């Protein structure tokens, strides 16, 4: 059985339908105010609604640097591919939006 975050189940010739999050950033003087988390979760909420109406199964992003990978991982994005991309399944976004997501135990 394929893993839930294996995008190949939607892929055709290596391409899969997705919404790509681009250029999310906060200037240095406004960091640590929660703006980045607010913007990220707003994007996830918007994606969850689009996923329900259009059927797009995945939200993808490319962290601007490797230091951001833990940030996105903590927000339930998963790595995919070989280029450092990260993704979130529509099911995860919907459950996060609705408050029904239980994070898997760390381990």
C-alpha atoms as a PDB file:
ATOM      1  CA  UNK A   1       0.000   0.000   0.000  1.00  0.00           C
ATOM      2  CA  UNK A   2       1.313   3.440  -0.882  1.00  0.00           C
ATOM      3  CA  UNK A   3       2.006   5.925   1.870  1.00  0.00           C
ATOM      4  CA  UNK A   4      -0.596   8.659   2.247  1.00  0.00           C
ATOM      5  CA  UNK A   5       1.859  11.357   1.174  1.00  0.00           C
ATOM      6  CA  UNK A   6       2.987   9.476  -1.922  1.00  0.00           C
ATOM      7  CA  UNK A   7       1.882  11.876  -4.655  1.00  0.00           C
ATOM      8  CA  UNK A   8       2.464   9.269  -7.352  1.00  0.00           C
ATOM      9  CA  UNK A   9      -1.080   8.004  -6.814  1.00  0.00           C
ATOM     10  CA  UNK A  10      -2.294  11.210  -8.504  1.00  0.00           C
ATOM     11  CA  UNK A  11       0.609  11.533 -10.934  1.00  0.00           C
ATOM     12  CA  UNK A  12       0.442  11.192 -14.683  1.00  0.00           C
ATOM     13  CA  UNK A  13       3.840  11.226 -16.364  1.00  0.00           C
ATOM     14  CA  UNK A  14       5.353  12.595 -13.143  1.00  0.00           C
ATOM     15  CA  UNK A  15       2.891  15.494 -12.882  1.00  0.00           C
ATOM     16  CA  UNK A  16       0.132  15.761 -10.281  1.00  0.00           C
ATOM     17  CA  UNK A  17      -2.572  18.363  -9.595  1.00  0.00           C
ATOM     18  CA  UNK A  18      -1.646  20.724  -6.781  1.00  0.00           C
ATOM     19  CA  UNK A  19      -1.994  24.220  -5.461  1.00  0.00           C
ATOM     20  CA  UNK A  20       1.467  25.757  -4.990  1.00  0.00           C
ATOM     21  CA  UNK A  21       2.098  28.185  -2.109  1.00  0.00           C
ATOM     22  CA  UNK A  22       4.614  30.777  -3.273  1.00  0.00           C
ATOM     23  CA  UNK A  23       6.559  33.501  -1.513  1.00  0.00           C
ATOM     24  CA  UNK A  24       5.224  33.469   2.000  1.00  0.00           C
ATOM     25  CA  UNK A  25       7.477  35.640   4.099  1.00  0.00           C
ATOM     26  CA  UNK A  26       7.596  38.154   6.895  1.00  0.00           C
ATOM     27  CA  UNK A  27      10.127  40.957   7.130  1.00  0.00           C
ATOM     28  CA  UNK A  28      12.746  40.647   9.837  1.00  0.00           C
ATOM     29  CA  UNK A  29      11.367  43.379  12.105  1.00  0.00           C
ATOM     30  CA  UNK A  30       7.937  41.693  12.270  1.00  0.00           C
ATOM     31  CA  UNK A  31       9.126  38.189  13.060  1.00  0.00           C
ATOM     32  CA  UNK A  32       8.088  36.553  16.322  1.00  0.00           C
ATOM     33  CA  UNK A  33       4.672  38.231  16.244  1.00  0.00           C
ATOM     34  CA  UNK A  34       2.868  35.169  14.917  1.00  0.00           C
ATOM     35  CA  UNK A  35       2.323  36.690  11.475  1.00  0.00           C
ATOM     36  CA  UNK A  36       4.018  33.805   9.629  1.00  0.00           C
ATOM     37  CA  UNK A  37       1.877  31.231  11.449  1.00  0.00           C
ATOM     38  CA  UNK A  38      -1.271  33.250  10.758  1.00  0.00           C
ATOM     39  CA  UNK A  39      -0.441  33.544   7.047  1.00  0.00           C
ATOM     40  CA  UNK A  40       0.441  29.843   6.798  1.00  0.00           C
ATOM     41  CA  UNK A  41      -2.782  28.711   8.427  1.00  0.00           C
ATOM     42  CA  UNK A  42      -4.788  31.184   6.340  1.00  0.00           C
ATOM     43  CA  UNK A  43      -3.260  29.595   3.219  1.00  0.00           C
ATOM     44  CA  UNK A  44      -4.072  26.116   4.570  1.00  0.00           C
ATOM     45  CA  UNK A  45      -7.666  27.157   5.293  1.00  0.00           C
ATOM     46  CA  UNK A  46      -8.051  28.667   1.826  1.00  0.00           C
ATOM     47  CA  UNK A  47      -6.589  25.503   0.303  1.00  0.00           C
ATOM     48  CA  UNK A  48      -8.982  23.319   2.308  1.00  0.00           C
ATOM     49  CA  UNK A  49     -11.962  25.185   0.867  1.00  0.00           C
ATOM     50  CA  UNK A  50     -10.585  25.042  -2.665  1.00  0.00           C
ATOM     51  CA  UNK A  51      -9.862  21.331  -2.246  1.00  0.00           C
ATOM     52  CA  UNK A  52     -13.460  20.673  -1.235  1.00  0.00           C
ATOM     53  CA  UNK A  53     -14.877  22.544  -4.230  1.00  0.00           C
ATOM     54  CA  UNK A  54     -12.337  21.630  -6.932  1.00  0.00           C
ATOM     55  CA  UNK A  55     -10.877  18.322  -5.787  1.00  0.00           C
ATOM     56  CA  UNK A  56      -7.250  19.516  -5.870  1.00  0.00           C
ATOM     57  CA  UNK A  57      -5.640  16.944  -3.552  1.00  0.00           C
ATOM     58  CA  UNK A  58      -2.362  18.594  -2.536  1.00  0.00           C
ATOM     59  CA  UNK A  59      -0.893  21.919  -1.385  1.00  0.00           C
ATOM     60  CA  UNK A  60       2.816  22.159  -2.186  1.00  0.00           C
ATOM     61  CA  UNK A  61       5.575  24.568  -1.308  1.00  0.00           C
ATOM     62  CA  UNK A  62       9.320  24.888  -1.648  1.00  0.00           C
ATOM     63  CA  UNK A  63      10.922  26.265   1.543  1.00  0.00           C
ATOM     64  CA  UNK A  64      13.210  29.186   0.762  1.00  0.00           C
ATOM     65  CA  UNK A  65      15.914  27.568   2.864  1.00  0.00           C
ATOM     66  CA  UNK A  66      16.498  24.368   4.819  1.00  0.00           C
ATOM     67  CA  UNK A  67      16.004  26.200   8.141  1.00  0.00           C
ATOM     68  CA  UNK A  68      12.279  26.440   7.354  1.00  0.00           C
ATOM     69  CA  UNK A  69      11.746  22.699   6.950  1.00  0.00           C
ATOM     70  CA  UNK A  70      11.119  22.104  10.690  1.00  0.00           C
ATOM     71  CA  UNK A  71       8.662  25.027  10.725  1.00  0.00           C
ATOM     72  CA  UNK A  72       6.581  23.491   7.937  1.00  0.00           C
ATOM     73  CA  UNK A  73       6.951  19.970   9.329  1.00  0.00           C
ATOM     74  CA  UNK A  74       5.547  21.237  12.648  1.00  0.00           C
ATOM     75  CA  UNK A  75       2.541  22.486  10.693  1.00  0.00           C
ATOM     76  CA  UNK A  76       1.897  19.050   9.168  1.00  0.00           C
ATOM     77  CA  UNK A  77       3.612  19.498   5.811  1.00  0.00           C
ATOM     78  CA  UNK A  78       5.433  16.409   4.579  1.00  0.00           C
ATOM     79  CA  UNK A  79       8.507  16.174   2.368  1.00  0.00           C
ATOM     80  CA  UNK A  80       8.061  14.877  -1.166  1.00  0.00           C
ATOM     81  CA  UNK A  81      10.301  14.243  -4.117  1.00  0.00           C
ATOM     82  CA  UNK A  82      14.016  14.839  -4.170  1.00  0.00           C
ATOM     83  CA  UNK A  83      14.135  18.615  -4.472  1.00  0.00           C
ATOM     84  CA  UNK A  84      13.215  19.579  -0.921  1.00  0.00           C
ATOM     85  CA  UNK A  85       9.555  20.225  -1.694  1.00  0.00           C
ATOM     86  CA  UNK A  86       6.911  19.872   0.982  1.00  0.00           C
ATOM     87  CA  UNK A  87       3.220  19.085   0.698  1.00  0.00           C
ATOM     88  CA  UNK A  88      -0.012  18.845   2.632  1.00  0.00           C
ATOM     89  CA  UNK A  89      -2.882  16.589   1.675  1.00  0.00           C
ATOM     90  CA  UNK A  90      -6.352  18.094   1.358  1.00  0.00           C
ATOM     91  CA  UNK A  91      -7.620  15.730   4.066  1.00  0.00           C
ATOM     92  CA  UNK A  92      -5.067  17.121   6.509  1.00  0.00           C
ATOM     93  CA  UNK A  93      -5.912  20.741   5.651  1.00  0.00           C
ATOM     94  CA  UNK A  94      -9.634  20.109   6.100  1.00  0.00           C
ATOM     95  CA  UNK A  95      -9.109  18.414   9.454  1.00  0.00           C
ATOM     96  CA  UNK A  96      -6.798  21.210  10.636  1.00  0.00           C
ATOM     97  CA  UNK A  97      -9.390  23.793   9.607  1.00  0.00           C
ATOM     98  CA  UNK A  98     -12.184  21.896  11.348  1.00  0.00           C
ATOM     99  CA  UNK A  99     -10.139  21.217  14.495  1.00  0.00           C
ATOM    100  CA  UNK A 100     -10.381  17.434  14.093  1.00  0.00           C
ATOM    101  CA  UNK A 101      -6.735  16.701  13.324  1.00  0.00           C
ATOM    102  CA  UNK A 102      -4.826  14.628  15.863  1.00  0.00           C
ATOM    103  CA  UNK A 103      -1.104  14.857  15.258  1.00  0.00           C
ATOM    104  CA  UNK A 104       0.675  11.507  15.200  1.00  0.00           C
ATOM    105  CA  UNK A 105       2.879  10.884  18.224  1.00  0.00           C
ATOM    106  CA  UNK A 106       6.514  11.874  17.809  1.00  0.00           C
ATOM    107  CA  UNK A 107       8.761   8.962  17.618  1.00  0.00           C
END
